[in-house]
Amino acid sequence: MSKSANNKVAVLIGPTAVGKTGAALALAERLAAEIVNADSLQVYRELDLGTAKPTLAERARVPHHLVDVAAPTESYDADRYSREGRETLARLHQRGVPPLVVGGTGLYLKALLHGLFAEGEPRQEIRKRLRLDLHGLGLERLHQRLAALDPATAQRLHPRDTYRILRALEVMEATGKPLSELLAAHRFRDCPYRVLKLGLMLPKEELTARIEARVEAMLAQGFLEEVEGLLSRYSPDLKPLNSLGYRHLSQFLRGQWSWEEAVERLKIDTRHYAKRQLTWFKADPEVRWFQPGQIEAMAACLEEFFLRR
């Protein structure tokens, strides 16, 4: 990569199970690029199968950054990701290496490229009161409260996503504005990079089939054993252990769901998650959409982008 391209960043996004890992490896090898993870769970060590983390063999093919950088007990959020991600991009640019940011966590990508919006001063009393409401009223009531105050955010979040529902309510109380409004306003902040965004998409039926196959493959590879090991060392209340997949198998292991119910709910919730991801990404007019097999077309876009002055 020429020094004139030292603020260029390529991004590869798409819903879960669409084929980002395989496409990213092929593209990175073509461009001699390095991959910067933008998945909010792959940052955690020990969460491997349930996050569809690139294998050690895949990471040996292409250097990966911001994978396995935090213990499950550590606090890791968009603010930390933004700081560490920008430091990573600076190092790659300094070395003249094209960065390929890959992932499906929309907020992390926004934080990396545009920084974070002001969330107001952290207020421990707000957080404490919301926690009391959670235990007294239940998560469903808090999600209903969010839906009444900020329908756009409530629709985007899963009704059982405790962390993000509480965070959205906390931000609203601290700033006096809905989270969706803050995000919409923030979208127009200047970006310090020149960015090319490529998106992967498949027909709904094909993506659904891939999600089903992904879940079955994770289970066959030992996902249940991975969750058992994590629960033997850590509290089930940890943020990463309340995420998609880990939450479902934890419910089974604690006897709250049957195996069939846990697996079926995991497949359904993964489909819903993919739909929410697509809704987020399709709102960005800068994304150029491809199918995951169109490697040559995507590589041509990337080569022209990084070589253009």
Protein backbone atom coordinates (compact mmCIF):
# COMPACT_ATOMS: atom_id res chain seq x y z
CA MET A 1 0.00 0.00 0.00
CA SER A 2 1.41 3.41 -0.91
CA LYS A 3 1.99 6.01 1.77
CA SER A 4 -0.67 8.17 0.08
CA ALA A 5 -3.24 5.63 1.21
CA ASN A 6 -2.27 5.83 4.86
CA ASN A 7 -5.73 6.80 6.07
CA LYS A 8 -7.71 4.26 4.05
CA VAL A 9 -9.79 1.59 5.75
CA ALA A 10 -11.79 -1.18 4.09
CA VAL A 11 -14.74 -2.69 5.94
CA LEU A 12 -16.47 -6.02 5.34
CA ILE A 13 -19.82 -6.36 7.08
CA GLY A 14 -22.85 -8.63 6.99
CA PRO A 15 -25.18 -10.71 9.14
CA THR A 16 -24.10 -13.70 11.17
CA ALA A 17 -23.41 -16.91 9.20
CA VAL A 18 -23.34 -15.12 5.83
CA GLY A 19 -19.70 -16.11 5.21
CA LYS A 20 -17.63 -13.12 6.34
CA THR A 21 -14.70 -15.19 7.64
CA GLY A 22 -14.07 -17.09 4.41
CA ALA A 23 -14.47 -14.02 2.23
CA ALA A 24 -12.26 -11.92 4.50
CA LEU A 25 -9.44 -14.48 4.42
CA ALA A 26 -9.56 -14.70 0.62
CA LEU A 27 -9.62 -10.92 0.20
CA ALA A 28 -6.90 -10.26 2.78
CA GLU A 29 -4.59 -12.77 1.13
CA ARG A 30 -5.17 -11.13 -2.27
CA LEU A 31 -4.33 -7.66 -0.92
CA ALA A 32 -1.66 -8.62 1.65
CA ALA A 33 -4.04 -6.99 4.14
CA GLU A 34 -4.48 -7.71 7.85
CA ILE A 35 -7.86 -8.26 9.48
CA VAL A 36 -9.19 -6.11 12.31
CA ASN A 37 -12.01 -7.82 14.21
CA ALA A 38 -15.27 -5.90 14.68
CA ASP A 39 -17.25 -8.57 16.52
CA SER A 40 -18.07 -7.64 20.11
CA LEU A 41 -17.71 -11.23 21.39
CA GLN A 42 -14.60 -12.35 19.53
CA VAL A 43 -12.60 -9.90 21.65
CA TYR A 44 -13.04 -12.32 24.60
CA ARG A 45 -10.67 -15.17 25.28
CA GLU A 46 -12.23 -18.61 25.92
CA LEU A 47 -15.37 -17.79 23.89
CA ASP A 48 -14.47 -19.61 20.71
CA LEU A 49 -17.10 -21.90 19.21
CA GLY A 50 -20.11 -19.81 20.16
CA THR A 51 -18.62 -16.70 18.58
CA ALA A 52 -17.55 -18.49 15.36
CA LYS A 53 -14.08 -17.09 16.05
CA PRO A 54 -11.49 -17.64 13.29
CA THR A 55 -9.51 -20.76 14.08
CA LEU A 56 -5.80 -20.72 14.89
CA ALA A 57 -5.13 -22.10 11.40
CA GLU A 58 -7.14 -19.26 9.84
CA ARG A 59 -5.32 -16.71 11.97
CA ALA A 60 -2.03 -18.23 10.81
CA ARG A 61 -3.04 -17.53 7.19
CA VAL A 62 -3.75 -13.83 7.81
CA PRO A 63 -2.81 -11.75 10.88
CA HIS A 64 -5.87 -10.83 12.97
CA HIS A 65 -6.15 -7.96 15.44
CA LEU A 66 -8.48 -7.41 18.43
CA VAL A 67 -9.25 -11.11 18.82
CA ASP A 68 -8.73 -12.64 22.30
CA VAL A 69 -7.78 -9.31 23.89
CA ALA A 70 -10.00 -9.52 27.00
CA ALA A 71 -10.84 -12.04 29.71
CA PRO A 72 -14.54 -12.90 30.15
CA THR A 73 -14.49 -10.97 33.44
CA GLU A 74 -13.11 -7.78 31.89
CA SER A 75 -15.23 -4.80 30.93
CA TYR A 76 -15.10 -4.38 27.17
CA ASP A 77 -17.35 -1.92 25.38
CA ALA A 78 -17.53 0.30 22.30
CA ASP A 79 -15.40 2.98 23.96
CA ARG A 80 -12.51 0.59 24.61
CA TYR A 81 -12.95 -0.94 21.17
CA SER A 82 -12.81 2.48 19.52
CA ARG A 83 -9.57 3.37 21.30
CA GLU A 84 -7.85 0.03 20.67
CA GLY A 85 -9.17 -0.17 17.11
CA ARG A 86 -7.85 3.25 16.18
CA GLU A 87 -4.47 2.40 17.70
CA THR A 88 -4.44 -0.77 15.59
CA LEU A 89 -5.32 1.13 12.40
CA ALA A 90 -2.55 3.65 13.12
CA ARG A 91 0.02 0.85 13.46
CA LEU A 92 -1.12 -0.80 10.22
CA HIS A 93 -1.05 2.51 8.35
CA GLN A 94 2.44 3.21 9.71
CA ARG A 95 3.60 -0.15 8.35
CA GLY A 96 1.89 0.45 5.00
CA VAL A 97 -0.48 -2.53 5.48
CA PRO A 98 -4.08 -2.30 4.18
CA PRO A 99 -6.55 -2.77 7.07
CA LEU A 100 -9.64 -4.91 6.47
CA VAL A 101 -12.13 -4.42 9.31
CA VAL A 102 -14.45 -7.44 9.51
CA GLY A 103 -17.48 -8.02 11.71
CA GLY A 104 -21.15 -7.67 12.38
CA THR A 105 -21.31 -5.39 15.43
CA GLY A 106 -22.70 -2.16 14.00
CA LEU A 107 -22.05 -0.04 17.08
CA TYR A 108 -18.38 -1.08 17.21
CA LEU A 109 -17.93 -0.13 13.56
CA LYS A 110 -19.58 3.23 14.15
CA ALA A 111 -17.39 3.84 17.20
CA LEU A 112 -14.25 2.93 15.26
CA LEU A 113 -14.96 5.11 12.24
CA HIS A 114 -16.78 8.07 13.82
CA GLY A 115 -15.90 7.93 17.51
CA LEU A 116 -18.52 7.80 20.24
CA PHE A 117 -21.37 10.20 20.88
CA ALA A 118 -21.62 11.90 24.27
CA GLU A 119 -23.60 9.69 26.61
CA GLY A 120 -23.79 12.19 29.44
CA GLU A 121 -22.04 11.90 32.76
CA PRO A 122 -22.13 8.38 34.21
CA ARG A 123 -24.60 8.37 37.08
CA GLN A 124 -24.36 5.52 39.52
CA GLU A 125 -27.77 6.31 41.00
CA ILE A 126 -29.43 5.80 37.60
CA ARG A 127 -27.68 2.48 37.10
CA LYS A 128 -28.54 1.34 40.62
CA ARG A 129 -32.21 2.28 40.22
CA LEU A 130 -32.48 0.46 36.90
CA ARG A 131 -30.96 -2.64 38.47
CA LEU A 132 -33.56 -2.48 41.22
CA ASP A 133 -36.29 -2.12 38.58
CA LEU A 134 -34.87 -5.13 36.77
CA HIS A 135 -35.15 -7.32 39.85
CA GLY A 136 -38.49 -5.88 40.93
CA LEU A 137 -40.31 -5.58 37.62
CA GLY A 138 -38.47 -7.98 35.33
CA LEU A 139 -36.74 -7.49 32.00
CA GLU A 140 -39.95 -7.69 29.96
CA ARG A 141 -41.39 -4.62 31.71
CA LEU A 142 -38.15 -2.70 31.16
CA HIS A 143 -38.19 -3.59 27.47
CA GLN A 144 -41.78 -2.34 27.32
CA ARG A 145 -40.67 0.90 28.98
CA LEU A 146 -37.93 1.29 26.38
CA ALA A 147 -40.44 0.60 23.59
CA ALA A 148 -42.67 3.41 24.87
CA LEU A 149 -39.78 5.89 25.17
CA ASP A 150 -37.60 4.86 22.22
CA PRO A 151 -39.42 2.47 19.84
CA ALA A 152 -36.58 2.38 17.30
CA THR A 153 -34.02 1.17 19.83
CA ALA A 154 -36.46 -1.29 21.43
CA GLN A 155 -37.17 -2.83 18.04
CA ARG A 156 -33.45 -3.18 17.32
CA LEU A 157 -32.63 -4.90 20.63
CA HIS A 158 -33.55 -8.44 21.55
CA PRO A 159 -36.17 -8.49 24.36
CA ARG A 160 -33.79 -10.59 26.50
CA ASP A 161 -30.69 -8.44 25.92
CA THR A 162 -30.40 -7.26 29.51
CA TYR A 163 -27.18 -5.29 29.13
CA ARG A 164 -28.21 -3.23 26.11
CA ILE A 165 -31.77 -2.57 27.34
CA LEU A 166 -30.43 -1.23 30.64
CA ARG A 167 -27.76 0.77 28.82
CA ALA A 168 -30.31 2.37 26.48
CA LEU A 169 -32.49 3.39 29.42
CA GLU A 170 -29.47 4.68 31.31
CA VAL A 171 -28.25 6.80 28.37
CA MET A 172 -31.74 8.23 27.93
CA GLU A 173 -31.98 9.25 31.58
CA ALA A 174 -28.46 10.71 31.58
CA THR A 175 -28.87 12.73 28.36
CA GLY A 176 -32.62 13.31 28.15
CA LYS A 177 -32.59 12.01 24.57
CA PRO A 178 -33.46 8.59 23.08
CA LEU A 179 -30.48 6.47 22.09
CA SER A 180 -31.81 6.21 18.51
CA GLU A 181 -31.80 10.01 18.22
CA LEU A 182 -28.22 10.25 19.50
CA LEU A 183 -27.07 7.58 17.05
CA ALA A 184 -28.85 9.24 14.12
CA ALA A 185 -27.26 12.60 14.88
CA HIS A 186 -23.87 10.99 15.40
CA ARG A 187 -23.99 9.30 11.99
CA PHE A 188 -23.01 12.59 10.33
CA ARG A 189 -19.87 13.20 12.37
CA ASP A 190 -16.70 13.50 10.35
CA CYS A 191 -14.69 10.32 9.89
CA PRO A 192 -10.87 10.64 9.96
CA TYR A 193 -10.50 7.82 7.43
CA ARG A 194 -11.25 7.26 3.78
CA VAL A 195 -13.52 4.23 3.96
CA LEU A 196 -14.76 1.59 1.54
CA LYS A 197 -17.63 -0.50 2.91
CA LEU A 198 -18.44 -3.89 1.39
CA GLY A 199 -21.48 -5.81 2.59
CA LEU A 200 -22.33 -9.50 2.25
CA MET A 201 -25.91 -10.56 1.67
CA LEU A 202 -27.76 -13.75 0.73
CA PRO A 203 -31.40 -14.55 -0.10
CA LYS A 204 -33.40 -15.05 3.10
CA GLU A 205 -33.91 -18.80 2.57
CA GLU A 206 -30.21 -19.39 1.98
CA LEU A 207 -29.15 -17.35 5.00
CA THR A 208 -31.68 -19.22 7.17
CA ALA A 209 -30.25 -22.54 6.00
CA ARG A 210 -26.73 -21.33 6.80
CA ILE A 211 -27.79 -20.26 10.28
CA GLU A 212 -29.34 -23.68 10.95
CA ALA A 213 -26.17 -25.39 9.70
CA ARG A 214 -23.96 -23.05 11.75
CA VAL A 215 -25.81 -23.87 14.98
CA GLU A 216 -25.68 -27.61 14.32
CA ALA A 217 -21.96 -27.43 13.48
CA MET A 218 -21.14 -25.47 16.66
CA LEU A 219 -22.96 -28.04 18.77
CA ALA A 220 -21.21 -30.93 17.00
CA GLN A 221 -17.83 -29.27 17.60
CA GLY A 222 -18.38 -29.08 21.37
CA PHE A 223 -20.16 -25.79 22.05
CA LEU A 224 -22.03 -27.29 25.03
CA GLU A 225 -18.74 -28.41 26.58
CA GLU A 226 -17.31 -24.91 26.02
CA VAL A 227 -20.24 -23.38 27.93
CA GLU A 228 -19.97 -25.98 30.72
CA GLY A 229 -16.30 -25.10 31.15
CA LEU A 230 -17.01 -21.37 31.25
CA LEU A 231 -19.80 -21.79 33.83
CA SER A 232 -17.46 -23.87 36.01
CA ARG A 233 -15.08 -20.88 36.20
CA TYR A 234 -17.29 -17.82 35.86
CA SER A 235 -20.63 -16.42 36.97
CA PRO A 236 -23.49 -16.87 34.49
CA ASP A 237 -24.28 -13.18 35.06
CA LEU A 238 -21.17 -12.04 33.16
CA LYS A 239 -22.01 -9.91 30.12
CA PRO A 240 -20.45 -12.25 27.51
CA LEU A 241 -22.16 -15.29 29.01
CA ASN A 242 -25.53 -13.58 28.50
CA SER A 243 -24.95 -13.31 24.77
CA LEU A 244 -26.46 -15.25 21.89
CA GLY A 245 -25.82 -18.97 22.25
CA TYR A 246 -24.09 -18.86 25.63
CA ARG A 247 -27.33 -17.70 27.26
CA HIS A 248 -29.31 -20.47 25.59
CA LEU A 249 -27.01 -23.33 26.59
CA SER A 250 -26.67 -21.88 30.08
CA GLN A 251 -30.46 -22.06 30.42
CA PHE A 252 -30.33 -25.73 29.42
CA LEU A 253 -27.49 -26.56 31.80
CA ARG A 254 -29.36 -24.92 34.67
CA GLY A 255 -32.46 -26.98 33.88
CA GLN A 256 -34.62 -24.05 32.77
CA TRP A 257 -35.03 -25.28 29.19
CA SER A 258 -35.01 -28.72 27.61
CA TRP A 259 -32.29 -29.46 25.07
CA GLU A 260 -34.77 -29.25 22.20
CA GLU A 261 -36.14 -25.93 23.45
CA ALA A 262 -32.67 -24.45 23.92
CA VAL A 263 -31.53 -25.42 20.42
CA GLU A 264 -34.75 -24.24 18.76
CA ARG A 265 -34.69 -20.91 20.60
CA LEU A 266 -31.04 -20.46 19.65
CA LYS A 267 -31.86 -20.93 15.96
CA ILE A 268 -34.83 -18.58 16.14
CA ASP A 269 -32.93 -15.89 18.06
CA THR A 270 -29.98 -16.16 15.66
CA ARG A 271 -32.33 -15.55 12.72
CA HIS A 272 -33.78 -12.53 14.51
CA TYR A 273 -30.29 -11.24 15.26
CA ALA A 274 -29.30 -11.55 11.60
CA LYS A 275 -32.41 -9.61 10.62
CA ARG A 276 -31.53 -6.81 13.07
CA GLN A 277 -27.98 -6.69 11.72
CA LEU A 278 -29.23 -6.34 8.16
CA THR A 279 -31.64 -3.58 9.18
CA TRP A 280 -28.72 -1.66 10.74
CA PHE A 281 -26.38 -2.14 7.76
CA LYS A 282 -28.98 -1.45 5.06
CA ALA A 283 -29.55 1.99 6.59
CA ASP A 284 -26.02 2.93 5.48
CA PRO A 285 -26.08 4.12 1.84
CA GLU A 286 -22.28 3.81 1.57
CA VAL A 287 -22.30 -0.01 1.65
CA ARG A 288 -21.70 -1.82 -1.64
CA TRP A 289 -23.49 -5.18 -1.51
CA PHE A 290 -22.18 -8.51 -2.78
CA GLN A 291 -22.83 -12.20 -2.35
CA PRO A 292 -20.05 -14.00 -0.42
CA GLY A 293 -18.90 -15.92 -3.50
CA GLN A 294 -18.15 -12.75 -5.49
CA ILE A 295 -14.52 -12.64 -4.37
CA GLU A 296 -13.16 -11.37 -7.71
CA ALA A 297 -15.57 -8.43 -7.84
CA MET A 298 -14.88 -7.48 -4.21
CA ALA A 299 -11.13 -7.83 -4.71
CA ALA A 300 -11.29 -5.52 -7.72
CA CYS A 301 -13.11 -2.89 -5.63
CA LEU A 302 -10.54 -3.17 -2.86
CA GLU A 303 -7.54 -3.05 -5.19
CA GLU A 304 -8.87 0.04 -6.96
CA PHE A 305 -9.65 1.69 -3.60
CA PHE A 306 -6.23 1.12 -2.04
CA LEU A 307 -4.26 1.98 -5.20
CA ARG A 308 -6.22 5.14 -6.01
CA ARG A 309 -4.59 8.33 -4.71
